[in-house]
Amino acid sequence: MRFRSRTIREEPEINFIPLIDVLLVILIFLMVTTTYSRFAELQINLPTAEAQQPPERAEQIDVAVDAKGNYTINKAAVPANNAAALGAALKNAAGDMKDPVVVINADANAEGSRTGGHSP
């Protein structure tokens, strides 16, 4: 014997709309009551370097060659059109220096043929 009735059971439903409403209210409450700190207002004292300047060489001759092949020795233009004239200008710049250091700064496109050199 069967005592159960043949009624159709309804499946339980979960309604998410009230849950979403509650979560939105909580989210709005948190956004309104939260204070945001500004890190841009921090006062920071950065360390400073206290390095000494390297000593300038007293016995130094600076030679510069530009792209057109013009020479300057110690920031003075030199009308050197051959190796002998350039050598004389270097001896004049050296004066009575015992063992001068010659620093040459040349442009990558400098002409090397004016003083007897060769172009790359």
PDB file of N, CA and C in Angstrom:
ATOM      1  N   MET A   1       0.798  -1.158   0.000  1.00  0.00           N
ATOM      2  CA  MET A   1       0.000   0.000   0.000  1.00  0.00           C
ATOM      3  C   MET A   1       0.862   1.250   0.000  1.00  0.00           C
ATOM      4  N   ARG A   2       0.370   2.097  -0.731  1.00  0.00           N
ATOM      5  CA  ARG A   2       1.075   3.351  -0.894  1.00  0.00           C
ATOM      6  C   ARG A   2       0.264   4.476  -0.323  1.00  0.00           C
ATOM      7  N   PHE A   3       0.855   5.165   0.678  1.00  0.00           N
ATOM      8  CA  PHE A   3       0.101   6.241   1.304  1.00  0.00           C
ATOM      9  C   PHE A   3       0.513   7.628   0.810  1.00  0.00           C
ATOM     10  N   ARG A   4       1.481   7.691   0.052  1.00  0.00           N
ATOM     11  CA  ARG A   4       1.939   9.004  -0.422  1.00  0.00           C
ATOM     12  C   ARG A   4       1.069   9.464  -1.562  1.00  0.00           C
ATOM     13  N   SER A   5       0.853  10.725  -1.541  1.00  0.00           N
ATOM     14  CA  SER A   5       0.066  11.268  -2.638  1.00  0.00           C
ATOM     15  C   SER A   5       1.001  11.671  -3.777  1.00  0.00           C
ATOM     16  N   ARG A   6       0.469  11.708  -4.874  1.00  0.00           N
ATOM     17  CA  ARG A   6       1.262  12.017  -6.052  1.00  0.00           C
ATOM     18  C   ARG A   6       1.212  13.504  -6.350  1.00  0.00           C
ATOM     19  N   THR A   7       1.715  14.278  -5.484  1.00  0.00           N
ATOM     20  CA  THR A   7       1.768  15.716  -5.740  1.00  0.00           C
ATOM     21  C   THR A   7       3.150  16.051  -6.295  1.00  0.00           C
ATOM     22  N   ILE A   8       3.204  17.025  -7.132  1.00  0.00           N
ATOM     23  CA  ILE A   8       4.464  17.432  -7.750  1.00  0.00           C
ATOM     24  C   ILE A   8       5.170  18.382  -6.796  1.00  0.00           C
ATOM     25  N   ARG A   9       6.378  18.025  -6.463  1.00  0.00           N
ATOM     26  CA  ARG A   9       7.152  18.872  -5.557  1.00  0.00           C
ATOM     27  C   ARG A   9       7.791  19.986  -6.353  1.00  0.00           C
ATOM     28  N   GLU A  10       7.731  21.159  -5.812  1.00  0.00           N
ATOM     29  CA  GLU A  10       8.370  22.287  -6.470  1.00  0.00           C
ATOM     30  C   GLU A  10       9.817  22.362  -6.022  1.00  0.00           C
ATOM     31  N   GLU A  11      10.672  22.656  -6.943  1.00  0.00           N
ATOM     32  CA  GLU A  11      12.085  22.827  -6.626  1.00  0.00           C
ATOM     33  C   GLU A  11      12.250  24.186  -5.946  1.00  0.00           C
ATOM     34  N   PRO A  12      13.090  24.245  -4.922  1.00  0.00           N
ATOM     35  CA  PRO A  12      13.299  25.538  -4.251  1.00  0.00           C
ATOM     36  C   PRO A  12      14.060  26.502  -5.172  1.00  0.00           C
ATOM     37  N   GLU A  13      13.659  27.756  -5.123  1.00  0.00           N
ATOM     38  CA  GLU A  13      14.296  28.776  -5.937  1.00  0.00           C
ATOM     39  C   GLU A  13      15.109  29.697  -5.047  1.00  0.00           C
ATOM     40  N   ILE A  14      16.226  30.107  -5.550  1.00  0.00           N
ATOM     41  CA  ILE A  14      17.035  31.085  -4.837  1.00  0.00           C
ATOM     42  C   ILE A  14      16.959  32.377  -5.629  1.00  0.00           C
ATOM     43  N   ASN A  15      16.460  33.384  -4.991  1.00  0.00           N
ATOM     44  CA  ASN A  15      16.296  34.669  -5.634  1.00  0.00           C
ATOM     45  C   ASN A  15      17.539  35.527  -5.299  1.00  0.00           C
ATOM     46  N   PHE A  16      18.320  35.877  -6.309  1.00  0.00           N
ATOM     47  CA  PHE A  16      19.555  36.628  -6.094  1.00  0.00           C
ATOM     48  C   PHE A  16      19.369  38.138  -6.079  1.00  0.00           C
ATOM     49  N   ILE A  17      18.257  38.638  -6.481  1.00  0.00           N
ATOM     50  CA  ILE A  17      18.048  40.083  -6.566  1.00  0.00           C
ATOM     51  C   ILE A  17      18.143  40.748  -5.189  1.00  0.00           C
ATOM     52  N   PRO A  18      17.522  40.237  -4.128  1.00  0.00           N
ATOM     53  CA  PRO A  18      17.711  40.885  -2.824  1.00  0.00           C
ATOM     54  C   PRO A  18      19.167  40.801  -2.324  1.00  0.00           C
ATOM     55  N   LEU A  19      19.849  39.708  -2.644  1.00  0.00           N
ATOM     56  CA  LEU A  19      21.242  39.567  -2.244  1.00  0.00           C
ATOM     57  C   LEU A  19      22.105  40.623  -2.943  1.00  0.00           C
ATOM     58  N   ILE A  20      21.860  40.851  -4.215  1.00  0.00           N
ATOM     59  CA  ILE A  20      22.605  41.873  -4.957  1.00  0.00           C
ATOM     60  C   ILE A  20      22.313  43.251  -4.389  1.00  0.00           C
ATOM     61  N   ASP A  21      21.070  43.523  -4.036  1.00  0.00           N
ATOM     62  CA  ASP A  21      20.714  44.825  -3.451  1.00  0.00           C
ATOM     63  C   ASP A  21      21.462  45.054  -2.135  1.00  0.00           C
ATOM     64  N   VAL A  22      21.520  44.048  -1.292  1.00  0.00           N
ATOM     65  CA  VAL A  22      22.214  44.187  -0.009  1.00  0.00           C
ATOM     66  C   VAL A  22      23.710  44.408  -0.243  1.00  0.00           C
ATOM     67  N   LEU A  23      24.300  43.675  -1.159  1.00  0.00           N
ATOM     68  CA  LEU A  23      25.724  43.850  -1.445  1.00  0.00           C
ATOM     69  C   LEU A  23      26.035  45.235  -2.008  1.00  0.00           C
ATOM     70  N   LEU A  24      25.176  45.773  -2.842  1.00  0.00           N
ATOM     71  CA  LEU A  24      25.377  47.120  -3.363  1.00  0.00           C
ATOM     72  C   LEU A  24      25.291  48.166  -2.258  1.00  0.00           C
ATOM     73  N   VAL A  25      24.357  47.995  -1.332  1.00  0.00           N
ATOM     74  CA  VAL A  25      24.248  48.935  -0.207  1.00  0.00           C
ATOM     75  C   VAL A  25      25.518  48.873   0.648  1.00  0.00           C
ATOM     76  N   ILE A  26      26.020  47.683   0.911  1.00  0.00           N
ATOM     77  CA  ILE A  26      27.259  47.540   1.699  1.00  0.00           C
ATOM     78  C   ILE A  26      28.434  48.177   0.951  1.00  0.00           C
ATOM     79  N   LEU A  27      28.506  47.961  -0.355  1.00  0.00           N
ATOM     80  CA  LEU A  27      29.581  48.544  -1.147  1.00  0.00           C
ATOM     81  C   LEU A  27      29.535  50.067  -1.134  1.00  0.00           C
ATOM     82  N   ILE A  28      28.359  50.641  -1.289  1.00  0.00           N
ATOM     83  CA  ILE A  28      28.211  52.099  -1.242  1.00  0.00           C
ATOM     84  C   ILE A  28      28.586  52.627   0.139  1.00  0.00           C
ATOM     85  N   PHE A  29      28.182  51.938   1.179  1.00  0.00           N
ATOM     86  CA  PHE A  29      28.525  52.355   2.544  1.00  0.00           C
ATOM     87  C   PHE A  29      30.041  52.354   2.732  1.00  0.00           C
ATOM     88  N   LEU A  30      30.709  51.316   2.273  1.00  0.00           N
ATOM     89  CA  LEU A  30      32.165  51.256   2.420  1.00  0.00           C
ATOM     90  C   LEU A  30      32.861  52.341   1.611  1.00  0.00           C
ATOM     91  N   MET A  31      32.376  52.637   0.411  1.00  0.00           N
ATOM     92  CA  MET A  31      32.995  53.664  -0.412  1.00  0.00           C
ATOM     93  C   MET A  31      32.833  55.049   0.196  1.00  0.00           C
ATOM     94  N   VAL A  32      31.707  55.302   0.810  1.00  0.00           N
ATOM     95  CA  VAL A  32      31.462  56.624   1.392  1.00  0.00           C
ATOM     96  C   VAL A  32      32.251  56.817   2.684  1.00  0.00           C
ATOM     97  N   THR A  33      32.358  55.784   3.487  1.00  0.00           N
ATOM     98  CA  THR A  33      32.992  55.947   4.796  1.00  0.00           C
ATOM     99  C   THR A  33      34.503  55.746   4.777  1.00  0.00           C
ATOM    100  N   THR A  34      35.078  55.230   3.702  1.00  0.00           N
ATOM    101  CA  THR A  34      36.519  54.996   3.657  1.00  0.00           C
ATOM    102  C   THR A  34      37.240  56.297   3.340  1.00  0.00           C
ATOM    103  N   THR A  35      38.304  56.561   4.069  1.00  0.00           N
ATOM    104  CA  THR A  35      39.142  57.721   3.761  1.00  0.00           C
ATOM    105  C   THR A  35      40.396  57.224   3.074  1.00  0.00           C
ATOM    106  N   TYR A  36      40.764  57.917   2.033  1.00  0.00           N
ATOM    107  CA  TYR A  36      41.938  57.539   1.269  1.00  0.00           C
ATOM    108  C   TYR A  36      43.088  58.466   1.661  1.00  0.00           C
ATOM    109  N   SER A  37      44.215  57.888   1.992  1.00  0.00           N
ATOM    110  CA  SER A  37      45.371  58.707   2.349  1.00  0.00           C
ATOM    111  C   SER A  37      46.119  59.078   1.087  1.00  0.00           C
ATOM    112  N   ARG A  38      46.704  60.255   1.108  1.00  0.00           N
ATOM    113  CA  ARG A  38      47.447  60.742  -0.045  1.00  0.00           C
ATOM    114  C   ARG A  38      48.928  60.621   0.253  1.00  0.00           C
ATOM    115  N   PHE A  39      49.605  59.804  -0.527  1.00  0.00           N
ATOM    116  CA  PHE A  39      51.025  59.594  -0.327  1.00  0.00           C
ATOM    117  C   PHE A  39      51.861  60.697  -0.961  1.00  0.00           C
ATOM    118  N   ALA A  40      51.267  61.544  -1.785  1.00  0.00           N
ATOM    119  CA  ALA A  40      52.019  62.606  -2.438  1.00  0.00           C
ATOM    120  C   ALA A  40      52.412  63.699  -1.442  1.00  0.00           C
ATOM    121  N   GLU A  41      51.823  63.718  -0.282  1.00  0.00           N
ATOM    122  CA  GLU A  41      52.093  64.757   0.690  1.00  0.00           C
ATOM    123  C   GLU A  41      53.198  64.380   1.670  1.00  0.00           C
ATOM    124  N   LEU A  42      53.848  63.250   1.467  1.00  0.00           N
ATOM    125  CA  LEU A  42      54.923  62.857   2.361  1.00  0.00           C
ATOM    126  C   LEU A  42      56.138  63.743   2.141  1.00  0.00           C
ATOM    127  N   GLN A  43      56.747  64.169   3.234  1.00  0.00           N
ATOM    128  CA  GLN A  43      57.976  64.959   3.160  1.00  0.00           C
ATOM    129  C   GLN A  43      59.153  64.009   3.277  1.00  0.00           C
ATOM    130  N   ILE A  44      59.947  63.930   2.224  1.00  0.00           N
ATOM    131  CA  ILE A  44      61.079  63.015   2.204  1.00  0.00           C
ATOM    132  C   ILE A  44      62.356  63.820   1.997  1.00  0.00           C
ATOM    133  N   ASN A  45      63.325  63.585   2.845  1.00  0.00           N
ATOM    134  CA  ASN A  45      64.632  64.205   2.677  1.00  0.00           C
ATOM    135  C   ASN A  45      65.555  63.191   2.021  1.00  0.00           C
ATOM    136  N   LEU A  46      65.897  63.456   0.765  1.00  0.00           N
ATOM    137  CA  LEU A  46      66.740  62.536   0.023  1.00  0.00           C
ATOM    138  C   LEU A  46      68.206  62.803   0.342  1.00  0.00           C
ATOM    139  N   PRO A  47      69.019  61.761   0.360  1.00  0.00           N
ATOM    140  CA  PRO A  47      70.448  61.966   0.633  1.00  0.00           C
ATOM    141  C   PRO A  47      71.118  62.674  -0.541  1.00  0.00           C
ATOM    142  N   THR A  48      72.163  63.404  -0.247  1.00  0.00           N
ATOM    143  CA  THR A  48      72.917  64.080  -1.289  1.00  0.00           C
ATOM    144  C   THR A  48      74.330  63.516  -1.332  1.00  0.00           C
ATOM    145  N   ALA A  49      74.896  63.502  -2.504  1.00  0.00           N
ATOM    146  CA  ALA A  49      76.248  62.984  -2.678  1.00  0.00           C
ATOM    147  C   ALA A  49      77.248  64.097  -2.400  1.00  0.00           C
ATOM    148  N   GLU A  50      78.300  63.745  -1.712  1.00  0.00           N
ATOM    149  CA  GLU A  50      79.332  64.718  -1.403  1.00  0.00           C
ATOM    150  C   GLU A  50      80.668  64.238  -1.954  1.00  0.00           C
ATOM    151  N   ALA A  51      80.715  64.066  -3.259  1.00  0.00           N
ATOM    152  CA  ALA A  51      81.946  63.597  -3.897  1.00  0.00           C
ATOM    153  C   ALA A  51      82.803  64.798  -4.280  1.00  0.00           C
ATOM    154  N   GLN A  52      84.083  64.605  -4.231  1.00  0.00           N
ATOM    155  CA  GLN A  52      84.998  65.666  -4.616  1.00  0.00           C
ATOM    156  C   GLN A  52      85.198  65.633  -6.126  1.00  0.00           C
ATOM    157  N   GLN A  53      85.430  66.804  -6.681  1.00  0.00           N
ATOM    158  CA  GLN A  53      85.716  66.890  -8.102  1.00  0.00           C
ATOM    159  C   GLN A  53      87.085  66.278  -8.363  1.00  0.00           C
ATOM    160  N   PRO A  54      87.215  65.519  -9.448  1.00  0.00           N
ATOM    161  CA  PRO A  54      88.537  64.974  -9.748  1.00  0.00           C
ATOM    162  C   PRO A  54      89.500  66.121 -10.051  1.00  0.00           C
ATOM    163  N   PRO A  55      90.723  65.975  -9.641  1.00  0.00           N
ATOM    164  CA  PRO A  55      91.672  67.068  -9.883  1.00  0.00           C
ATOM    165  C   PRO A  55      91.899  67.265 -11.378  1.00  0.00           C
ATOM    166  N   GLU A  56      91.900  68.505 -11.801  1.00  0.00           N
ATOM    167  CA  GLU A  56      92.118  68.809 -13.209  1.00  0.00           C
ATOM    168  C   GLU A  56      93.605  68.693 -13.514  1.00  0.00           C
ATOM    169  N   ARG A  57      93.893  68.043 -14.598  1.00  0.00           N
ATOM    170  CA  ARG A  57      95.293  67.850 -14.957  1.00  0.00           C
ATOM    171  C   ARG A  57      95.862  69.169 -15.459  1.00  0.00           C
ATOM    172  N   ALA A  58      96.920  69.611 -14.829  1.00  0.00           N
ATOM    173  CA  ALA A  58      97.541  70.860 -15.242  1.00  0.00           C
ATOM    174  C   ALA A  58      98.290  70.690 -16.553  1.00  0.00           C
ATOM    175  N   GLU A  59      98.829  69.527 -16.773  1.00  0.00           N
ATOM    176  CA  GLU A  59      99.610  69.287 -17.983  1.00  0.00           C
ATOM    177  C   GLU A  59      98.783  68.497 -18.989  1.00  0.00           C
ATOM    178  N   GLN A  60      97.699  69.111 -19.459  1.00  0.00           N
ATOM    179  CA  GLN A  60      96.794  68.445 -20.396  1.00  0.00           C
ATOM    180  C   GLN A  60      96.555  69.370 -21.572  1.00  0.00           C
ATOM    181  N   ILE A  61      96.594  68.804 -22.763  1.00  0.00           N
ATOM    182  CA  ILE A  61      96.309  69.552 -23.985  1.00  0.00           C
ATOM    183  C   ILE A  61      95.087  68.903 -24.623  1.00  0.00           C
ATOM    184  N   ASP A  62      94.034  69.684 -24.819  1.00  0.00           N
ATOM    185  CA  ASP A  62      92.801  69.178 -25.429  1.00  0.00           C
ATOM    186  C   ASP A  62      92.811  69.504 -26.911  1.00  0.00           C
ATOM    187  N   VAL A  63      92.697  68.472 -27.742  1.00  0.00           N
ATOM    188  CA  VAL A  63      92.647  68.639 -29.190  1.00  0.00           C
ATOM    189  C   VAL A  63      91.279  68.164 -29.652  1.00  0.00           C
ATOM    190  N   ALA A  64      90.569  68.998 -30.407  1.00  0.00           N
ATOM    191  CA  ALA A  64      89.252  68.633 -30.931  1.00  0.00           C
ATOM    192  C   ALA A  64      89.289  68.704 -32.445  1.00  0.00           C
ATOM    193  N   VAL A  65      88.653  67.722 -33.083  1.00  0.00           N
ATOM    194  CA  VAL A  65      88.578  67.674 -34.546  1.00  0.00           C
ATOM    195  C   VAL A  65      87.105  67.568 -34.904  1.00  0.00           C
ATOM    196  N   ASP A  66      86.601  68.510 -35.716  1.00  0.00           N
ATOM    197  CA  ASP A  66      85.190  68.456 -36.092  1.00  0.00           C
ATOM    198  C   ASP A  66      85.023  67.644 -37.371  1.00  0.00           C
ATOM    199  N   ALA A  67      83.786  67.543 -37.861  1.00  0.00           N
ATOM    200  CA  ALA A  67      83.479  66.708 -39.024  1.00  0.00           C
ATOM    201  C   ALA A  67      84.139  67.222 -40.298  1.00  0.00           C
ATOM    202  N   LYS A  68      84.429  68.519 -40.366  1.00  0.00           N
ATOM    203  CA  LYS A  68      85.054  69.088 -41.563  1.00  0.00           C
ATOM    204  C   LYS A  68      86.571  68.995 -41.518  1.00  0.00           C
ATOM    205  N   GLY A  69      87.125  68.524 -40.399  1.00  0.00           N
ATOM    206  CA  GLY A  69      88.570  68.383 -40.291  1.00  0.00           C
ATOM    207  C   GLY A  69      89.253  69.593 -39.699  1.00  0.00           C
ATOM    208  N   ASN A  70      88.490  70.498 -39.080  1.00  0.00           N
ATOM    209  CA  ASN A  70      89.084  71.666 -38.441  1.00  0.00           C
ATOM    210  C   ASN A  70      89.560  71.286 -37.053  1.00  0.00           C
ATOM    211  N   TYR A  71      90.706  71.829 -36.660  1.00  0.00           N
ATOM    212  CA  TYR A  71      91.318  71.490 -35.380  1.00  0.00           C
ATOM    213  C   TYR A  71      91.214  72.663 -34.410  1.00  0.00           C
ATOM    214  N   THR A  72      91.023  72.340 -33.129  1.00  0.00           N
ATOM    215  CA  THR A  72      91.135  73.325 -32.056  1.00  0.00           C
ATOM    216  C   THR A  72      92.018  72.707 -30.978  1.00  0.00           C
ATOM    217  N   ILE A  73      92.929  73.522 -30.464  1.00  0.00           N
ATOM    218  CA  ILE A  73      93.810  73.079 -29.385  1.00  0.00           C
ATOM    219  C   ILE A  73      93.539  73.978 -28.194  1.00  0.00           C
ATOM    220  N   ASN A  74      93.107  73.376 -27.085  1.00  0.00           N
ATOM    221  CA  ASN A  74      92.704  74.106 -25.873  1.00  0.00           C
ATOM    222  C   ASN A  74      91.690  75.200 -26.197  1.00  0.00           C
ATOM    223  N   LYS A  75      90.698  74.842 -27.009  1.00  0.00           N
ATOM    224  CA  LYS A  75      89.571  75.695 -27.394  1.00  0.00           C
ATOM    225  C   LYS A  75      89.976  76.888 -28.241  1.00  0.00           C
ATOM    226  N   ALA A  76      91.126  76.824 -28.870  1.00  0.00           N
ATOM    227  CA  ALA A  76      91.567  77.867 -29.796  1.00  0.00           C
ATOM    228  C   ALA A  76      91.722  77.246 -31.172  1.00  0.00           C
ATOM    229  N   ALA A  77      91.133  77.861 -32.193  1.00  0.00           N
ATOM    230  CA  ALA A  77      91.193  77.323 -33.555  1.00  0.00           C
ATOM    231  C   ALA A  77      92.634  77.345 -34.055  1.00  0.00           C
ATOM    232  N   VAL A  78      93.000  76.275 -34.758  1.00  0.00           N
ATOM    233  CA  VAL A  78      94.358  76.137 -35.295  1.00  0.00           C
ATOM    234  C   VAL A  78      94.258  75.975 -36.802  1.00  0.00           C
ATOM    235  N   PRO A  79      94.873  76.856 -37.560  1.00  0.00           N
ATOM    236  CA  PRO A  79      94.851  76.701 -39.023  1.00  0.00           C
ATOM    237  C   PRO A  79      95.918  75.713 -39.466  1.00  0.00           C
ATOM    238  N   ALA A  80      95.722  74.434 -39.169  1.00  0.00           N
ATOM    239  CA  ALA A  80      96.699  73.406 -39.531  1.00  0.00           C
ATOM    240  C   ALA A  80      96.237  72.722 -40.799  1.00  0.00           C
ATOM    241  N   ASN A  81      97.056  72.839 -41.861  1.00  0.00           N
ATOM    242  CA  ASN A  81      96.692  72.178 -43.106  1.00  0.00           C
ATOM    243  C   ASN A  81      97.601  71.005 -43.425  1.00  0.00           C
ATOM    244  N   ASN A  82      98.569  70.702 -42.536  1.00  0.00           N
ATOM    245  CA  ASN A  82      99.407  69.521 -42.702  1.00  0.00           C
ATOM    246  C   ASN A  82      99.900  69.081 -41.323  1.00  0.00           C
ATOM    247  N   ALA A  83     100.583  67.941 -41.291  1.00  0.00           N
ATOM    248  CA  ALA A  83     101.023  67.376 -40.018  1.00  0.00           C
ATOM    249  C   ALA A  83     102.083  68.240 -39.354  1.00  0.00           C
ATOM    250  N   ALA A  84     102.949  68.874 -40.132  1.00  0.00           N
ATOM    251  CA  ALA A  84     104.007  69.697 -39.553  1.00  0.00           C
ATOM    252  C   ALA A  84     103.416  70.922 -38.848  1.00  0.00           C
ATOM    253  N   ALA A  85     102.400  71.543 -39.462  1.00  0.00           N
ATOM    254  CA  ALA A  85     101.770  72.716 -38.846  1.00  0.00           C
ATOM    255  C   ALA A  85     101.029  72.328 -37.572  1.00  0.00           C
ATOM    256  N   LEU A  86     100.383  71.170 -37.587  1.00  0.00           N
ATOM    257  CA  LEU A  86      99.688  70.703 -36.389  1.00  0.00           C
ATOM    258  C   LEU A  86     100.688  70.368 -35.285  1.00  0.00           C
ATOM    259  N   GLY A  87     101.808  69.748 -35.642  1.00  0.00           N
ATOM    260  CA  GLY A  87     102.848  69.441 -34.663  1.00  0.00           C
ATOM    261  C   GLY A  87     103.422  70.699 -34.047  1.00  0.00           C
ATOM    262  N   ALA A  88     103.637  71.730 -34.853  1.00  0.00           N
ATOM    263  CA  ALA A  88     104.154  72.999 -34.337  1.00  0.00           C
ATOM    264  C   ALA A  88     103.151  73.644 -33.393  1.00  0.00           C
ATOM    265  N   ALA A  89     101.865  73.556 -33.720  1.00  0.00           N
ATOM    266  CA  ALA A  89     100.838  74.132 -32.848  1.00  0.00           C
ATOM    267  C   ALA A  89     100.774  73.371 -31.528  1.00  0.00           C
ATOM    268  N   LEU A  90     100.969  72.052 -31.558  1.00  0.00           N
ATOM    269  CA  LEU A  90     100.979  71.264 -30.324  1.00  0.00           C
ATOM    270  C   LEU A  90     102.190  71.593 -29.466  1.00  0.00           C
ATOM    271  N   LYS A  91     103.365  71.778 -30.100  1.00  0.00           N
ATOM    272  CA  LYS A  91     104.558  72.160 -29.347  1.00  0.00           C
ATOM    273  C   LYS A  91     104.387  73.531 -28.719  1.00  0.00           C
ATOM    274  N   ASN A  92     103.758  74.437 -29.444  1.00  0.00           N
ATOM    275  CA  ASN A  92     103.507  75.776 -28.906  1.00  0.00           C
ATOM    276  C   ASN A  92     102.541  75.708 -27.728  1.00  0.00           C
ATOM    277  N   ALA A  93     101.505  74.844 -27.817  1.00  0.00           N
ATOM    278  CA  ALA A  93     100.534  74.713 -26.723  1.00  0.00           C
ATOM    279  C   ALA A  93     101.162  74.055 -25.510  1.00  0.00           C
ATOM    280  N   ALA A  94     102.116  73.133 -25.742  1.00  0.00           N
ATOM    281  CA  ALA A  94     102.772  72.447 -24.633  1.00  0.00           C
ATOM    282  C   ALA A  94     103.674  73.402 -23.862  1.00  0.00           C
ATOM    283  N   GLY A  95     104.279  74.337 -24.534  1.00  0.00           N
ATOM    284  CA  GLY A  95     105.150  75.301 -23.865  1.00  0.00           C
ATOM    285  C   GLY A  95     106.266  74.604 -23.116  1.00  0.00           C
ATOM    286  N   ASP A  96     106.349  74.846 -21.812  1.00  0.00           N
ATOM    287  CA  ASP A  96     107.414  74.233 -21.012  1.00  0.00           C
ATOM    288  C   ASP A  96     106.908  73.056 -20.170  1.00  0.00           C
ATOM    289  N   MET A  97     105.797  72.452 -20.569  1.00  0.00           N
ATOM    290  CA  MET A  97     105.298  71.273 -19.855  1.00  0.00           C
ATOM    291  C   MET A  97     106.278  70.124 -20.058  1.00  0.00           C
ATOM    292  N   LYS A  98     106.545  69.389 -18.978  1.00  0.00           N
ATOM    293  CA  LYS A  98     107.520  68.297 -19.047  1.00  0.00           C
ATOM    294  C   LYS A  98     106.978  67.106 -19.835  1.00  0.00           C
ATOM    295  N   ASP A  99     105.808  66.602 -19.437  1.00  0.00           N
ATOM    296  CA  ASP A  99     105.228  65.424 -20.087  1.00  0.00           C
ATOM    297  C   ASP A  99     103.716  65.632 -20.194  1.00  0.00           C
ATOM    298  N   PRO A 100     103.237  66.436 -21.159  1.00  0.00           N
ATOM    299  CA  PRO A 100     101.804  66.742 -21.227  1.00  0.00           C
ATOM    300  C   PRO A 100     100.984  65.539 -21.700  1.00  0.00           C
ATOM    301  N   VAL A 101      99.725  65.502 -21.244  1.00  0.00           N
ATOM    302  CA  VAL A 101      98.763  64.491 -21.689  1.00  0.00           C
ATOM    303  C   VAL A 101      97.930  65.123 -22.790  1.00  0.00           C
ATOM    304  N   VAL A 102      97.858  64.474 -23.950  1.00  0.00           N
ATOM    305  CA  VAL A 102      97.092  64.989 -25.079  1.00  0.00           C
ATOM    306  C   VAL A 102      95.781  64.208 -25.158  1.00  0.00           C
ATOM    307  N   VAL A 103      94.664  64.930 -25.024  1.00  0.00           N
ATOM    308  CA  VAL A 103      93.331  64.320 -25.106  1.00  0.00           C
ATOM    309  C   VAL A 103      92.728  64.735 -26.436  1.00  0.00           C
ATOM    310  N   ILE A 104      92.413  63.744 -27.272  1.00  0.00           N
ATOM    311  CA  ILE A 104      91.872  64.022 -28.608  1.00  0.00           C
ATOM    312  C   ILE A 104      90.402  63.648 -28.632  1.00  0.00           C
ATOM    313  N   ASN A 105      89.561  64.608 -28.991  1.00  0.00           N
ATOM    314  CA  ASN A 105      88.125  64.397 -29.168  1.00  0.00           C
ATOM    315  C   ASN A 105      87.828  64.650 -30.641  1.00  0.00           C
ATOM    316  N   ALA A 106      87.427  63.605 -31.367  1.00  0.00           N
ATOM    317  CA  ALA A 106      87.204  63.739 -32.804  1.00  0.00           C
ATOM    318  C   ALA A 106      85.795  63.309 -33.161  1.00  0.00           C
ATOM    319  N   ASP A 107      85.245  63.989 -34.136  1.00  0.00           N
ATOM    320  CA  ASP A 107      83.939  63.635 -34.679  1.00  0.00           C
ATOM    321  C   ASP A 107      84.068  62.311 -35.436  1.00  0.00           C
ATOM    322  N   ALA A 108      82.999  61.513 -35.444  1.00  0.00           N
ATOM    323  CA  ALA A 108      83.042  60.215 -36.132  1.00  0.00           C
ATOM    324  C   ALA A 108      83.246  60.394 -37.630  1.00  0.00           C
ATOM    325  N   ASN A 109      82.832  61.519 -38.181  1.00  0.00           N
ATOM    326  CA  ASN A 109      82.963  61.770 -39.615  1.00  0.00           C
ATOM    327  C   ASN A 109      84.132  62.702 -39.924  1.00  0.00           C
ATOM    328  N   ALA A 110      85.073  62.815 -39.017  1.00  0.00           N
ATOM    329  CA  ALA A 110      86.220  63.719 -39.220  1.00  0.00           C
ATOM    330  C   ALA A 110      87.078  63.222 -40.368  1.00  0.00           C
ATOM    331  N   GLU A 111      87.610  64.189 -41.121  1.00  0.00           N
ATOM    332  CA  GLU A 111      88.490  63.853 -42.236  1.00  0.00           C
ATOM    333  C   GLU A 111      89.879  63.587 -41.683  1.00  0.00           C
ATOM    334  N   GLY A 112      90.515  62.494 -42.091  1.00  0.00           N
ATOM    335  CA  GLY A 112      91.838  62.172 -41.619  1.00  0.00           C
ATOM    336  C   GLY A 112      92.923  62.431 -42.631  1.00  0.00           C
ATOM    337  N   SER A 113      92.528  62.856 -43.829  1.00  0.00           N
ATOM    338  CA  SER A 113      93.527  62.999 -44.889  1.00  0.00           C
ATOM    339  C   SER A 113      94.285  64.319 -44.809  1.00  0.00           C
ATOM    340  N   ARG A 114      93.842  65.294 -44.060  1.00  0.00           N
ATOM    341  CA  ARG A 114      94.502  66.596 -44.029  1.00  0.00           C
ATOM    342  C   ARG A 114      95.854  66.528 -43.353  1.00  0.00           C
ATOM    343  N   THR A 115      96.019  65.617 -42.371  1.00  0.00           N
ATOM    344  CA  THR A 115      97.278  65.547 -41.649  1.00  0.00           C
ATOM    345  C   THR A 115      98.058  64.304 -42.030  1.00  0.00           C
ATOM    346  N   GLY A 116      97.745  63.714 -43.115  1.00  0.00           N
ATOM    347  CA  GLY A 116      98.503  62.554 -43.557  1.00  0.00           C
ATOM    348  C   GLY A 116      97.889  61.243 -43.102  1.00  0.00           C
ATOM    349  N   GLY A 117      96.783  61.277 -42.380  1.00  0.00           N
ATOM    350  CA  GLY A 117      96.126  60.048 -41.938  1.00  0.00           C
ATOM    351  C   GLY A 117      95.282  59.478 -43.057  1.00  0.00           C
ATOM    352  N   HIS A 118      94.497  58.487 -42.732  1.00  0.00           N
ATOM    353  CA  HIS A 118      93.613  57.913 -43.722  1.00  0.00           C
ATOM    354  C   HIS A 118      92.194  57.869 -43.182  1.00  0.00           C
ATOM    355  N   SER A 119      91.231  58.026 -44.059  1.00  0.00           N
ATOM    356  CA  SER A 119      89.820  57.978 -43.671  1.00  0.00           C
ATOM    357  C   SER A 119      89.390  56.541 -43.556  1.00  0.00           C
ATOM    358  N   PRO A 120      88.493  56.230 -42.611  1.00  0.00           N
ATOM    359  CA  PRO A 120      88.020  54.846 -42.475  1.00  0.00           C
ATOM    360  C   PRO A 120      87.169  54.413 -43.634  1.00  0.00           C
TER     361      PRO A 120
END
